[in-house]
Amino acid sequence: MESSMTVKKAIHYNVIQNILRYYECPDTCKAYCCKNGRVHMLEDEFRFLTEKDQEKAKNIISDSNIPHLYMMNTPCSFLNMIDRCDIYDKRPTVCGLYPFKVNNSGVSLGLQPCPLGFLIIRDFSSWIMDTISRSNIPEDEKAGKIKEWQNNLDSYETELSEFHIKPILKEMQIPFDELDILSMFLFSKNALKNIPLCTPTL
């Protein structure tokens, strides 16, 4: 049985937190992830929520497909009347990870284009395109790669416009090593601008 601490280490959870600290959910966010998403949790997280509020925890069921994994029936019962999380500092790993999502590759995470996720996708794409523009590859190849990334960004923007109605979203796959570099890039970028860190509100 894996603990949440073990899982967090495997999925580079701290790196994700270092990325998310530079962003906050827009005022237009209606907590669709908490209302419609599949919120899974590990056994130690389930036990904590049960101790926190036994009545609200009744909305959590055992995942019949995976032992020691639990799932919150949507909408999440810990979402309050103003669409904010009542257990934010102690929320399950999958919630702290969002809009990043675990996949089966073991080498990357998916990033969904929710209102917050698209801001990260836009910055990631901008960083990649800037890196390509300063590379030593032939100019025609450089232009083609930049155009491909711009087209990808445009498609994610379209995906964002349908975020609240689509049951399955297109995800950008970001390798763990590029997450590390993105985290360092954001740190340098915001340090130079002297921008205060954001604290997500969901």
Protein backbone atom coordinates (compact mmCIF):
# COMPACT_ATOMS: atom_id res chain seq x y z
CA MET A 1 0.00 0.00 0.00
CA GLU A 2 1.53 3.32 -1.10
CA SER A 3 1.27 6.41 1.08
CA SER A 4 0.58 9.88 -0.30
CA MET A 5 4.18 10.87 0.57
CA THR A 6 5.58 8.05 -1.60
CA VAL A 7 3.32 8.97 -4.50
CA LYS A 8 4.17 12.67 -4.21
CA LYS A 9 7.87 11.89 -4.49
CA ALA A 10 7.33 9.68 -7.56
CA ILE A 11 5.33 12.31 -9.45
CA HIS A 12 7.62 15.26 -8.58
CA TYR A 13 4.86 16.85 -6.51
CA ASN A 14 7.16 19.49 -4.98
CA VAL A 15 8.25 20.61 -8.45
CA ILE A 16 4.59 21.02 -9.42
CA GLN A 17 4.00 23.13 -6.32
CA ASN A 18 6.98 25.30 -7.29
CA ILE A 19 5.32 25.85 -10.68
CA LEU A 20 1.81 26.46 -9.37
CA ARG A 21 3.00 29.08 -6.87
CA TYR A 22 3.35 31.53 -9.78
CA TYR A 23 -0.29 31.16 -10.82
CA GLU A 24 -3.75 31.53 -9.36
CA CYS A 25 -7.15 30.40 -10.52
CA PRO A 26 -8.87 33.22 -12.46
CA ASP A 27 -11.97 34.83 -10.96
CA THR A 28 -13.92 33.24 -13.81
CA CYS A 29 -13.08 29.74 -12.51
CA LYS A 30 -16.20 27.92 -11.33
CA ALA A 31 -14.41 24.94 -9.76
CA TYR A 32 -15.43 22.58 -12.56
CA CYS A 33 -12.58 20.27 -11.54
CA CYS A 34 -14.15 19.87 -8.08
CA LYS A 35 -17.70 19.59 -9.39
CA ASN A 36 -17.17 17.27 -12.35
CA GLY A 37 -13.70 15.74 -12.08
CA ARG A 38 -12.78 12.30 -10.74
CA VAL A 39 -11.13 13.02 -7.40
CA HIS A 40 -9.16 9.94 -6.36
CA MET A 41 -7.33 9.61 -3.06
CA LEU A 42 -5.10 7.19 -1.21
CA GLU A 43 -6.03 5.42 2.00
CA ASP A 44 -4.19 7.81 4.35
CA GLU A 45 -5.94 10.76 2.66
CA PHE A 46 -9.30 9.01 2.98
CA ARG A 47 -8.67 8.40 6.69
CA PHE A 48 -7.77 12.06 7.24
CA LEU A 49 -10.93 13.32 5.54
CA THR A 50 -13.05 10.85 7.52
CA GLU A 51 -11.54 12.16 10.76
CA LYS A 52 -12.01 15.74 9.55
CA ASP A 53 -15.71 15.41 8.78
CA GLN A 54 -17.33 11.99 8.92
CA GLU A 55 -20.58 13.21 7.38
CA LYS A 56 -18.93 14.79 4.31
CA ALA A 57 -16.64 11.78 3.96
CA LYS A 58 -19.69 9.59 3.33
CA ASN A 59 -19.49 10.90 -0.22
CA ILE A 60 -16.20 8.99 -0.69
CA ILE A 61 -16.41 5.46 -2.06
CA SER A 62 -13.88 2.69 -2.56
CA ASP A 63 -12.58 2.30 -6.11
CA SER A 64 -13.54 -1.26 -6.99
CA ASN A 65 -10.80 -1.47 -9.65
CA ILE A 66 -7.80 -0.53 -7.50
CA PRO A 67 -7.24 -1.70 -3.89
CA HIS A 68 -6.60 1.03 -1.29
CA LEU A 69 -7.78 3.75 -3.69
CA TYR A 70 -10.86 5.84 -3.03
CA MET A 71 -12.94 8.24 -5.07
CA MET A 72 -15.05 11.26 -4.18
CA ASN A 73 -18.52 11.30 -5.71
CA THR A 74 -18.93 14.61 -7.51
CA PRO A 75 -19.44 17.36 -6.66
CA CYS A 76 -16.83 17.22 -3.91
CA SER A 77 -18.55 17.52 -0.53
CA PHE A 78 -15.67 19.64 0.81
CA LEU A 79 -16.40 22.39 -1.74
CA ASN A 80 -18.09 25.28 0.02
CA MET A 81 -20.91 27.60 -1.02
CA ILE A 82 -18.59 30.02 -2.81
CA ASP A 83 -16.88 27.27 -4.82
CA ARG A 84 -13.76 27.15 -2.68
CA CYS A 85 -12.09 24.21 -0.96
CA ASP A 86 -12.61 23.91 2.80
CA ILE A 87 -9.61 21.60 3.19
CA TYR A 88 -7.25 23.36 0.79
CA ASP A 89 -4.09 22.98 2.88
CA LYS A 90 -4.81 19.27 3.43
CA ARG A 91 -6.44 18.43 0.11
CA PRO A 92 -5.72 15.06 -1.57
CA THR A 93 -2.64 14.72 -3.78
CA VAL A 94 -4.66 14.64 -7.01
CA CYS A 95 -6.22 18.00 -6.09
CA GLY A 96 -2.87 19.59 -5.24
CA LEU A 97 -1.53 18.33 -8.55
CA TYR A 98 -4.32 19.74 -10.73
CA PRO A 99 -4.32 20.89 -13.54
CA PHE A 100 -1.43 18.43 -13.89
CA LYS A 101 -2.56 14.80 -14.04
CA VAL A 102 -0.79 11.50 -13.55
CA ASN A 103 -0.59 9.22 -16.59
CA ASN A 104 0.74 5.70 -17.16
CA SER A 105 4.03 6.70 -18.76
CA GLY A 106 6.08 7.05 -15.59
CA VAL A 107 8.16 9.76 -17.26
CA SER A 108 5.74 12.66 -17.68
CA LEU A 109 2.59 14.36 -16.45
CA GLY A 110 -0.41 15.54 -18.44
CA LEU A 111 -1.45 19.19 -18.22
CA GLN A 112 -5.10 20.01 -18.87
CA PRO A 113 -6.22 23.29 -20.45
CA CYS A 114 -8.56 24.48 -17.71
CA PRO A 115 -8.42 28.29 -17.14
CA LEU A 116 -5.36 27.84 -14.89
CA GLY A 117 -3.80 25.07 -16.96
CA PHE A 118 -3.92 27.13 -20.14
CA LEU A 119 -1.89 29.90 -18.48
CA ILE A 120 0.82 27.32 -17.75
CA ILE A 121 0.55 25.80 -21.24
CA ARG A 122 0.96 29.28 -22.74
CA ASP A 123 4.08 30.00 -20.67
CA PHE A 124 5.53 26.55 -21.37
CA SER A 125 4.93 26.95 -25.11
CA SER A 126 6.44 30.46 -25.07
CA TRP A 127 9.53 29.12 -23.29
CA ILE A 128 9.89 26.26 -25.80
CA MET A 129 9.45 28.58 -28.81
CA ASP A 130 11.97 31.04 -27.39
CA THR A 131 14.44 28.19 -26.85
CA ILE A 132 13.94 27.03 -30.44
CA SER A 133 14.39 30.57 -31.80
CA ARG A 134 17.80 30.81 -30.08
CA SER A 135 18.96 27.37 -31.21
CA ASN A 136 21.52 26.69 -33.95
CA ILE A 137 19.28 24.59 -36.17
CA PRO A 138 18.65 25.71 -39.79
CA GLU A 139 16.28 28.66 -40.12
CA ASP A 140 13.65 26.79 -42.14
CA GLU A 141 13.58 23.98 -39.57
CA LYS A 142 13.44 26.53 -36.78
CA ALA A 143 10.48 28.32 -38.40
CA GLY A 144 8.65 25.00 -38.88
CA LYS A 145 9.08 23.98 -35.26
CA ILE A 146 7.92 27.36 -33.97
CA LYS A 147 4.88 27.26 -36.24
CA GLU A 148 4.05 23.76 -35.01
CA TRP A 149 4.19 24.92 -31.39
CA GLN A 150 2.06 27.97 -32.17
CA ASN A 151 -0.53 25.71 -33.83
CA ASN A 152 -0.49 23.49 -30.74
CA LEU A 153 -1.05 26.51 -28.52
CA ASP A 154 -3.96 27.64 -30.69
CA SER A 155 -5.56 24.19 -30.44
CA TYR A 156 -5.27 24.24 -26.63
CA GLU A 157 -6.90 27.66 -26.57
CA THR A 158 -9.83 26.17 -28.50
CA GLU A 159 -9.90 23.30 -26.01
CA LEU A 160 -10.08 25.85 -23.18
CA SER A 161 -13.20 27.45 -24.63
CA GLU A 162 -14.99 24.09 -24.32
CA PHE A 163 -13.38 23.10 -21.01
CA HIS A 164 -16.59 23.08 -18.96
CA ILE A 165 -18.61 20.91 -21.35
CA LYS A 166 -16.14 18.30 -22.64
CA PRO A 167 -15.96 14.99 -20.74
CA ILE A 168 -12.40 14.33 -21.96
CA LEU A 169 -9.83 17.06 -22.47
CA LYS A 170 -6.74 17.08 -24.64
CA GLU A 171 -3.66 17.14 -22.40
CA MET A 172 -0.18 18.48 -23.04
CA GLN A 173 2.34 15.85 -21.95
CA ILE A 174 5.35 17.35 -20.14
CA PRO A 175 8.33 15.13 -19.23
CA PHE A 176 9.54 15.31 -15.63
CA ASP A 177 12.91 16.78 -16.63
CA GLU A 178 11.19 19.59 -18.54
CA LEU A 179 9.01 20.27 -15.50
CA ASP A 180 12.19 20.81 -13.50
CA ILE A 181 13.51 23.23 -16.12
CA LEU A 182 10.15 25.03 -16.35
CA SER A 183 10.18 25.48 -12.57
CA MET A 184 13.65 27.05 -12.72
CA PHE A 185 12.63 29.22 -15.70
CA LEU A 186 9.59 30.57 -13.83
CA PHE A 187 11.70 31.26 -10.76
CA SER A 188 14.23 33.25 -12.82
CA LYS A 189 11.55 35.05 -14.81
CA ASN A 190 9.57 36.16 -11.77
CA ALA A 191 12.65 36.98 -9.71
CA LEU A 192 13.78 39.39 -12.42
CA LYS A 193 10.35 41.02 -12.49
CA ASN A 194 10.13 41.02 -8.68
CA ILE A 195 6.63 39.55 -8.96
CA PRO A 196 5.14 38.34 -5.66
CA LEU A 197 4.14 34.70 -5.50
CA CYS A 198 0.50 33.77 -5.99
CA THR A 199 -1.45 31.49 -3.72
CA PRO A 200 -4.10 29.50 -5.65
CA THR A 201 -7.55 29.98 -4.18
CA LEU A 202 -9.16 26.59 -4.88
